[in-house]
Protein backbone atom coordinates (compact mmCIF):
# COMPACT_ATOMS: atom_id res chain seq x y z
CA MET A 1 46.78 -19.13 89.20
CA GLN A 2 47.36 -15.34 88.50
CA THR A 3 43.89 -14.90 87.34
CA SER A 4 42.35 -16.27 90.39
CA THR A 5 44.88 -13.41 92.39
CA THR A 6 43.40 -11.14 90.12
CA ALA A 7 40.04 -11.29 90.56
CA ALA A 8 40.94 -11.78 94.70
CA ARG A 9 42.12 -8.54 94.59
CA ARG A 10 39.31 -7.05 92.14
CA PRO A 11 37.19 -4.54 94.92
CA ARG A 12 33.97 -6.16 95.66
CA VAL A 13 31.02 -3.72 94.27
CA SER A 14 28.51 -3.90 97.70
CA ALA A 15 24.38 -3.78 96.85
CA SER A 16 23.99 0.13 98.35
CA GLN A 17 26.56 1.07 95.65
CA ARG A 18 24.77 -0.86 92.73
CA ARG A 19 21.81 1.39 94.03
CA GLU A 20 23.43 4.42 94.03
CA TRP A 21 24.64 3.97 90.39
CA LEU A 22 21.51 2.88 89.33
CA THR A 23 19.66 5.90 90.90
CA GLY A 24 22.27 8.02 88.62
CA TYR A 25 21.65 6.59 85.74
CA LEU A 26 18.21 6.43 86.37
CA PHE A 27 18.46 10.58 86.79
CA VAL A 28 20.36 11.34 83.95
CA LEU A 29 17.97 9.32 81.44
CA PRO A 30 15.91 11.69 81.10
CA ALA A 31 18.23 14.09 79.65
CA THR A 32 20.40 11.51 77.61
CA LEU A 33 17.07 11.03 75.95
CA VAL A 34 16.03 14.41 74.97
CA ILE A 35 19.10 14.83 73.70
CA THR A 36 19.23 11.80 71.81
CA LEU A 37 16.33 11.93 70.75
CA PHE A 38 16.44 16.16 69.58
CA GLY A 39 20.24 16.37 69.11
CA ILE A 40 22.08 13.37 67.92
CA PHE A 41 19.41 11.52 65.95
CA PRO A 42 18.95 14.72 63.87
CA ILE A 43 22.37 14.53 62.57
CA ALA A 44 22.75 11.45 62.05
CA TYR A 45 19.94 11.65 59.92
CA ALA A 46 20.78 14.44 57.78
CA VAL A 47 24.49 12.39 57.27
CA TYR A 48 22.05 9.30 56.38
CA MET A 49 19.88 12.14 54.20
CA SER A 50 23.04 13.37 52.45
CA LEU A 51 23.86 9.64 51.11
CA HIS A 52 21.16 9.33 49.08
CA ARG A 53 19.71 10.94 46.18
CA TRP A 54 16.45 12.79 48.36
CA ARG A 55 14.27 14.87 46.37
CA VAL A 56 10.67 14.69 48.88
CA ARG A 57 11.50 10.84 48.43
CA LYS A 58 14.62 8.83 48.97
CA GLY A 59 15.94 7.39 45.92
CA ALA A 60 19.53 5.76 45.01
CA PHE A 61 22.65 5.65 47.09
CA VAL A 62 25.40 8.32 45.87
CA GLY A 63 27.96 8.26 48.49
CA LEU A 64 29.80 11.41 48.72
CA ASP A 65 28.47 12.95 45.71
CA ASN A 66 26.59 16.01 47.45
CA TYR A 67 29.51 17.38 49.30
CA LEU A 68 31.47 17.23 45.78
CA ALA A 69 28.69 19.50 44.84
CA ILE A 70 29.59 21.56 47.63
CA VAL A 71 33.08 21.88 48.06
CA GLY A 72 33.90 20.75 44.05
CA ASP A 73 37.40 19.51 44.16
CA TRP A 74 38.56 16.91 47.18
CA TRP A 75 42.23 18.55 47.24
CA GLY A 76 40.51 22.14 48.19
CA ALA A 77 38.44 20.64 50.75
CA LEU A 78 41.15 18.96 52.31
CA ALA A 79 43.87 21.43 52.21
CA PHE A 80 41.13 24.06 53.09
CA PHE A 81 39.49 21.91 56.20
CA GLY A 82 43.31 20.37 56.64
CA GLY A 83 44.03 24.22 57.20
CA LEU A 84 41.73 24.82 59.64
CA LEU A 85 42.79 21.77 61.85
CA LEU A 86 46.39 23.01 61.24
CA ILE A 87 45.79 26.08 63.35
CA LEU A 88 44.96 24.23 66.41
CA VAL A 89 48.47 22.36 65.91
CA ALA A 90 50.27 25.33 65.40
CA HIS A 91 48.58 27.06 68.63
CA TRP A 92 49.72 23.61 70.16
CA LEU A 93 53.27 23.77 69.26
CA TRP A 94 53.60 27.39 70.29
CA THR A 95 52.30 26.99 73.94
CA ASP A 96 52.38 23.49 75.01
CA ALA A 97 54.57 20.93 73.17
CA PHE A 98 58.22 22.31 74.57
CA LYS A 99 57.17 23.80 77.78
CA ARG A 100 58.80 21.59 79.79
CA ALA A 101 62.01 21.06 77.74
CA ASP A 102 64.87 23.38 78.23
CA GLY A 103 65.39 26.31 75.84
CA ALA A 104 62.85 24.43 73.84
CA PRO A 105 60.07 27.20 73.86
CA LEU A 106 61.48 29.09 71.22
CA LEU A 107 61.91 26.16 69.01
CA GLY A 108 58.07 25.60 69.75
CA ARG A 109 57.31 29.21 68.37
CA LEU A 110 59.41 28.79 65.37
CA LEU A 111 57.81 25.28 64.32
CA GLY A 112 54.09 26.85 65.61
CA ALA A 113 54.74 30.00 63.32
CA MET A 114 55.37 28.09 60.74
CA VAL A 115 52.70 25.24 60.40
CA LEU A 116 50.40 28.59 60.85
CA LEU A 117 52.08 30.40 58.01
CA GLY A 118 51.23 26.97 56.21
CA SER A 119 47.63 26.67 57.44
CA GLY A 120 47.03 29.97 55.89
CA VAL A 121 48.60 29.02 52.13
CA ALA A 122 46.44 25.85 52.92
CA ILE A 123 43.61 27.54 53.54
CA SER A 124 43.67 30.35 50.76
CA LEU A 125 44.66 27.24 48.44
CA GLY A 126 41.30 25.10 49.17
CA TRP A 127 38.90 27.92 49.24
CA GLN A 128 40.05 29.15 45.49
CA LEU A 129 39.70 25.56 44.54
CA MET A 130 36.69 25.14 45.90
CA ARG A 131 35.23 28.37 44.71
CA GLN A 132 35.94 27.08 40.88
CA GLU A 133 34.25 24.18 41.39
CA GLY A 134 32.63 24.07 44.00
CA ASP A 135 28.07 25.55 44.95
CA ARG A 136 29.31 29.07 44.63
CA ARG A 137 26.00 30.18 46.21
CA PHE A 138 26.84 28.19 49.43
CA LEU A 139 30.26 28.88 49.47
CA SER A 140 29.40 32.76 49.01
CA GLY A 141 27.26 32.34 51.98
CA LEU A 142 29.50 30.93 54.33
CA MET A 143 31.97 33.72 53.38
CA ARG A 144 28.80 36.24 54.29
CA THR A 145 28.33 33.77 57.76
CA VAL A 146 32.02 34.50 58.60
CA TYR A 147 31.88 38.27 58.04
CA TYR A 148 28.52 38.37 60.18
CA GLY A 149 29.94 36.36 63.13
CA PHE A 150 33.68 37.96 63.59
CA THR A 151 32.13 41.55 62.93
CA ALA A 152 28.59 41.22 65.16
CA VAL A 153 30.09 39.25 68.14
CA PRO A 154 33.08 41.10 69.75
CA VAL A 155 30.81 44.38 69.08
CA GLN A 156 28.23 42.20 71.18
CA ILE A 157 30.56 41.19 73.63
CA ALA A 158 32.73 44.92 73.98
CA LEU A 159 28.96 47.05 73.81
CA ALA A 160 27.57 44.49 76.71
CA LEU A 161 30.35 45.06 78.76
CA VAL A 162 30.35 48.89 78.85
CA ILE A 163 26.66 48.87 79.10
CA ALA A 164 26.78 46.20 82.11
CA THR A 165 29.32 48.19 84.25
CA LEU A 166 27.41 51.83 83.48
CA LEU A 167 23.99 49.46 84.95
CA PHE A 168 25.81 48.26 87.58
CA GLN A 169 26.99 52.04 88.89
CA LYS A 170 24.36 52.61 91.37
CA LEU A 171 21.52 55.25 89.55
CA ARG A 172 18.59 56.02 89.18
CA GLY A 173 15.93 53.94 87.79
CA GLN A 174 18.85 51.04 87.42
CA GLU A 175 16.23 48.57 86.95
CA LEU A 176 14.15 50.30 84.31
CA PHE A 177 17.30 50.33 82.25
CA ARG A 178 18.33 46.59 82.75
CA MET A 179 14.71 46.32 81.56
CA ILE A 180 14.68 48.30 78.08
CA TYR A 181 18.37 46.63 77.32
CA PHE A 182 16.66 43.41 77.68
CA LEU A 183 14.29 44.38 75.88
CA PRO A 184 15.39 43.35 72.05
CA TYR A 185 15.85 39.66 73.29
CA VAL A 186 12.40 38.93 73.99
CA THR A 187 10.71 41.42 71.32
CA PRO A 188 9.04 38.71 68.04
CA ALA A 189 12.29 38.69 65.57
CA VAL A 190 9.96 38.74 62.96
CA ALA A 191 8.80 42.03 64.07
CA ALA A 192 11.83 43.87 65.07
CA ALA A 193 13.32 42.70 61.49
CA ALA A 194 10.01 44.27 59.71
CA VAL A 195 10.49 47.44 61.83
CA PHE A 196 14.69 47.81 61.18
CA ARG A 197 13.63 47.08 57.42
CA SER A 198 11.04 50.21 57.32
CA ILE A 199 14.34 51.66 59.65
CA PHE A 200 16.52 51.48 56.79
CA SER A 201 14.40 51.68 53.71
CA PRO A 202 16.94 53.38 51.07
CA ARG A 203 13.50 56.59 51.08
CA PRO A 204 15.41 59.95 51.76
CA GLU A 205 12.68 60.26 55.01
CA ARG A 206 13.13 57.04 56.48
CA PRO A 207 15.24 57.36 59.68
CA ALA A 208 18.29 56.60 58.99
CA ASN A 209 18.79 58.47 56.06
CA THR A 210 17.29 61.66 58.07
CA VAL A 211 20.15 61.10 60.53
CA LEU A 212 22.97 60.94 57.74
CA GLU A 213 21.48 64.32 56.60
CA TRP A 214 21.63 65.58 59.63
CA LEU A 215 25.49 64.75 59.36
CA GLY A 216 25.65 65.91 56.13
CA LEU A 217 25.94 62.56 54.33
CA PRO A 218 24.14 61.46 51.35
CA PRO A 219 21.55 58.79 51.49
CA GLN A 220 21.85 55.21 51.14
CA GLN A 221 20.16 52.10 49.69
CA TRP A 222 20.82 50.21 53.26
CA LEU A 223 19.16 46.90 52.62
CA PHE A 224 18.90 47.31 48.55
CA GLU A 225 22.90 47.92 48.23
CA THR A 226 25.10 45.46 47.35
CA ARG A 227 28.50 47.12 47.52
CA PRO A 228 31.14 46.26 49.97
CA VAL A 229 31.33 49.07 52.60
CA SER A 230 34.86 49.46 51.59
CA GLN A 231 33.99 50.11 48.37
CA ILE A 232 31.60 52.53 49.78
CA LEU A 233 33.48 54.70 52.03
CA PHE A 234 37.26 54.27 50.27
CA GLY A 235 36.37 53.58 46.91
CA GLY A 236 38.06 57.04 45.68
CA LEU A 237 40.91 56.62 47.42
CA PHE A 238 41.02 53.27 45.88
CA ASP A 239 41.08 53.84 42.58
CA ARG A 240 43.56 56.87 43.45
CA LEU A 241 45.94 54.50 44.32
CA GLY A 242 45.17 51.42 42.13
CA ILE A 243 43.81 49.01 44.31
CA GLU A 244 41.45 46.94 43.60
CA LEU A 245 39.78 44.95 46.66
CA THR A 246 37.70 41.57 45.41
CA GLY A 247 36.34 38.73 46.89
CA PHE A 248 36.40 37.59 50.48
CA TRP A 249 39.07 41.04 51.15
CA ALA A 250 36.34 43.61 49.57
CA GLY A 251 34.70 42.99 52.59
CA PRO A 252 30.46 42.83 54.10
CA SER A 253 28.27 45.16 51.86
CA LEU A 254 26.26 47.36 53.27
CA ALA A 255 23.22 45.37 53.61
CA LEU A 256 24.83 42.65 54.97
CA VAL A 257 26.13 45.11 57.70
CA THR A 258 23.08 46.56 58.19
CA VAL A 259 21.59 42.61 58.91
CA ILE A 260 24.98 42.88 61.65
CA ILE A 261 23.33 46.35 63.23
CA PHE A 262 20.54 44.59 63.93
CA GLY A 263 22.23 41.33 65.33
CA VAL A 264 23.84 44.20 67.55
CA TRP A 265 21.04 45.72 68.59
CA THR A 266 19.11 42.39 69.25
CA PHE A 267 21.82 40.48 71.59
CA SER A 268 24.03 43.27 73.42
CA GLY A 269 21.25 43.58 75.78
CA TYR A 270 21.03 39.70 77.08
CA ASN A 271 24.87 39.64 76.92
CA ALA A 272 24.50 43.17 79.53
CA VAL A 273 22.49 40.95 81.57
CA ILE A 274 24.67 37.56 81.98
CA PHE A 275 27.46 40.32 83.04
CA LEU A 276 25.75 42.13 85.45
CA ALA A 277 25.40 38.55 87.26
CA GLY A 278 29.00 38.02 86.45
CA LEU A 279 29.81 41.38 88.06
CA GLY A 280 27.54 40.69 91.01
CA ASN A 281 29.96 37.78 92.01
CA ILE A 282 33.32 39.80 91.99
CA PRO A 283 33.84 40.21 95.91
CA LYS A 284 34.22 44.42 96.79
CA GLN A 285 37.09 43.88 98.52
CA LEU A 286 39.22 43.42 95.15
CA TYR A 287 37.90 47.12 94.61
CA GLU A 288 38.52 48.62 97.55
CA ALA A 289 42.17 47.23 98.06
CA ALA A 290 42.65 48.15 94.64
CA ALA A 291 41.56 51.91 95.51
CA ILE A 292 43.77 52.05 98.70
CA ASP A 293 46.52 51.29 96.34
CA GLY A 294 46.07 54.10 94.48
CA ALA A 295 44.33 52.37 91.42
CA THR A 296 42.01 54.66 89.23
CA ARG A 297 38.67 52.93 87.83
CA VAL A 298 40.39 52.64 84.22
CA GLN A 299 43.00 50.46 86.16
CA GLN A 300 40.07 48.60 88.34
CA PHE A 301 38.36 47.74 85.01
CA ARG A 302 41.52 46.45 83.18
CA TYR A 303 43.16 44.26 85.93
CA ILE A 304 39.64 43.39 88.17
CA THR A 305 36.74 43.60 86.40
CA VAL A 306 37.83 41.94 82.91
CA PRO A 307 40.05 39.56 84.10
CA LEU A 308 37.27 38.01 86.34
CA LEU A 309 34.89 38.49 83.90
CA SER A 310 36.64 35.59 81.67
CA PRO A 311 34.53 32.89 81.83
CA VAL A 312 31.36 34.59 80.83
CA THR A 313 32.81 36.30 78.32
CA PHE A 314 33.93 33.05 77.20
CA TYR A 315 30.38 31.84 77.58
CA LEU A 316 28.87 34.20 75.47
CA THR A 317 31.54 34.42 72.93
CA VAL A 318 31.32 30.82 72.15
CA LEU A 319 27.43 30.79 72.19
CA GLY A 320 27.56 33.74 70.39
CA PHE A 321 29.47 33.05 67.64
CA ILE A 322 27.52 29.33 67.22
CA GLY A 323 24.01 31.46 67.01
CA THR A 324 25.78 33.80 64.36
CA PHE A 325 26.49 30.84 62.14
CA GLN A 326 22.96 29.49 63.04
CA ALA A 327 21.24 32.94 62.34
CA PHE A 328 18.42 32.55 60.13
CA THR A 329 15.01 34.68 60.95
CA HIS A 330 15.83 38.51 61.19
CA ILE A 331 18.17 37.75 57.87
CA TYR A 332 15.69 35.97 55.92
CA VAL A 333 12.82 39.22 56.48
CA MET A 334 15.16 41.60 55.81
CA ARG A 335 16.41 40.55 52.59
CA SER A 336 15.37 41.64 49.60
CA PRO A 337 15.39 40.09 46.26
CA ALA A 338 16.38 43.48 44.55
CA THR A 339 19.85 42.69 46.60
CA ARG A 340 19.95 39.33 44.93
CA ASP A 341 21.74 36.73 47.91
CA ALA A 342 24.02 40.22 49.26
CA VAL A 343 22.78 38.77 52.49
CA ASP A 344 22.05 35.18 52.67
CA THR A 345 24.08 32.84 55.13
CA ALA A 346 24.46 29.91 55.30
CA SER A 347 21.25 28.53 56.62
CA VAL A 348 19.24 30.95 54.80
CA VAL A 349 20.72 29.04 51.46
CA ILE A 350 20.12 25.63 53.32
CA PHE A 351 16.52 27.27 53.92
CA ASP A 352 16.43 27.72 49.87
CA THR A 353 17.75 24.74 49.04
CA PHE A 354 15.32 22.28 50.73
CA TYR A 355 12.13 24.55 50.50
CA GLY A 356 12.59 26.40 47.21
CA LEU A 357 14.83 23.68 45.22
CA SER A 358 13.21 20.55 47.22
CA ASN A 359 16.71 19.04 47.30
CA PHE A 360 16.44 17.65 50.56
CA SER A 361 19.94 15.79 50.13
CA LEU A 362 22.25 19.14 49.20
CA ALA A 363 20.46 20.85 51.98
CA ALA A 364 21.56 17.94 54.32
CA ALA A 365 25.01 18.24 53.26
CA GLN A 366 25.17 21.75 53.12
CA SER A 367 24.28 21.00 57.17
CA VAL A 368 26.59 18.73 57.57
CA VAL A 369 29.27 20.84 56.51
CA LEU A 370 28.04 23.80 58.53
CA PHE A 371 28.08 22.12 61.54
CA VAL A 372 31.56 20.78 60.72
CA ILE A 373 32.61 24.20 60.71
CA ILE A 374 31.20 25.21 64.02
CA LEU A 375 32.57 22.27 65.36
CA ILE A 376 35.85 23.63 64.47
CA LEU A 377 35.50 26.86 65.16
CA THR A 378 33.93 25.99 68.87
CA LEU A 379 37.35 23.92 69.50
CA MET A 380 39.71 26.70 68.18
CA GLN A 381 37.74 29.28 71.10
CA ASN A 382 38.18 26.52 73.98
CA ARG A 383 41.58 25.90 72.67
CA PHE A 384 42.98 29.54 72.21
CA PHE A 385 40.84 30.90 75.13
CA GLY A 386 39.49 28.43 77.66
CA ARG A 387 42.24 27.81 79.67
CA ARG A 388 42.63 31.70 79.90
CA VAL A 389 39.60 31.47 81.93
CA VAL A 390 40.02 32.52 85.57
CA GLY A 391 39.29 29.34 87.52
CA VAL A 392 39.58 26.93 85.09
């Protein structure tokens, strides 16, 4: 009796509604097929390859052996990736867990701080265990990828915002300047990287060392320098103070910094063009009202421009980190055998594993690990900055 009553209350779907649903599914079907064929299927096939011994031809099923060869220690990997996820838990405790309870936000912040401290310990301990037993070349490539992403992206965003703000003013030849700044993005990466390699040659007469000579500074090896920048700039001071920075805290090498300069040069103009589109959508009445209230140009930029550009900034930041963690072409062109692997990021190591060593299964496992790290990083950005975006 209850079943018949429920069926009677269930709304009937008309033929026109079915046609609308079918039409909608037909419209999204091409995009779904493209995403499945060129997105989901390659990821699934990479996971499948990583579970086998695969050198040119598929071999025996080995399970998680390829992943163990990368991380070296399961407890270390659990601590490292668990520590990354604990950062998200700490942010949730800090912002959302107790916000509806009276007097509880302080407890949430205390718990969040404790979890954040625990995540730092877990990440540090896990990384040390992985470095001792795992694939050091790939893990070092991950470390250089972190240097690259967390240095290049903030500089690109900040520089692009300044350029866009200047180009948004009424300047003569405004369109020409926009084209000039966008030109590096459309220049073929191989050709541009080859030119940069010549500019930053260790020869004293090359442009980069010539500029240093004008400034009274000694010439540098640039792409051939494997020492960390911190050692080059502050090595004497560190020696006098008895400080020795090693590993991650030593920072990127000068060769990698040169590659970072290329990345900033390439993408700053593209980001500036996107910022210009965002600036065009900000109502001018807001600036006029702020000027009437006595706000200066700096205050207008801080309290109007920056907040209302937050959706664009969030979009460019997410894409920027994904792009830098996958960067390959210009790094491969600018690298030099003399620097060993000083500029080899994770993507370059994966390429060498695949083509140089013909170890397809290990390269697939490395790709999956990099994919997981990019996914976690994207979730972090969405968690930390997504709700700060104006209008979201």
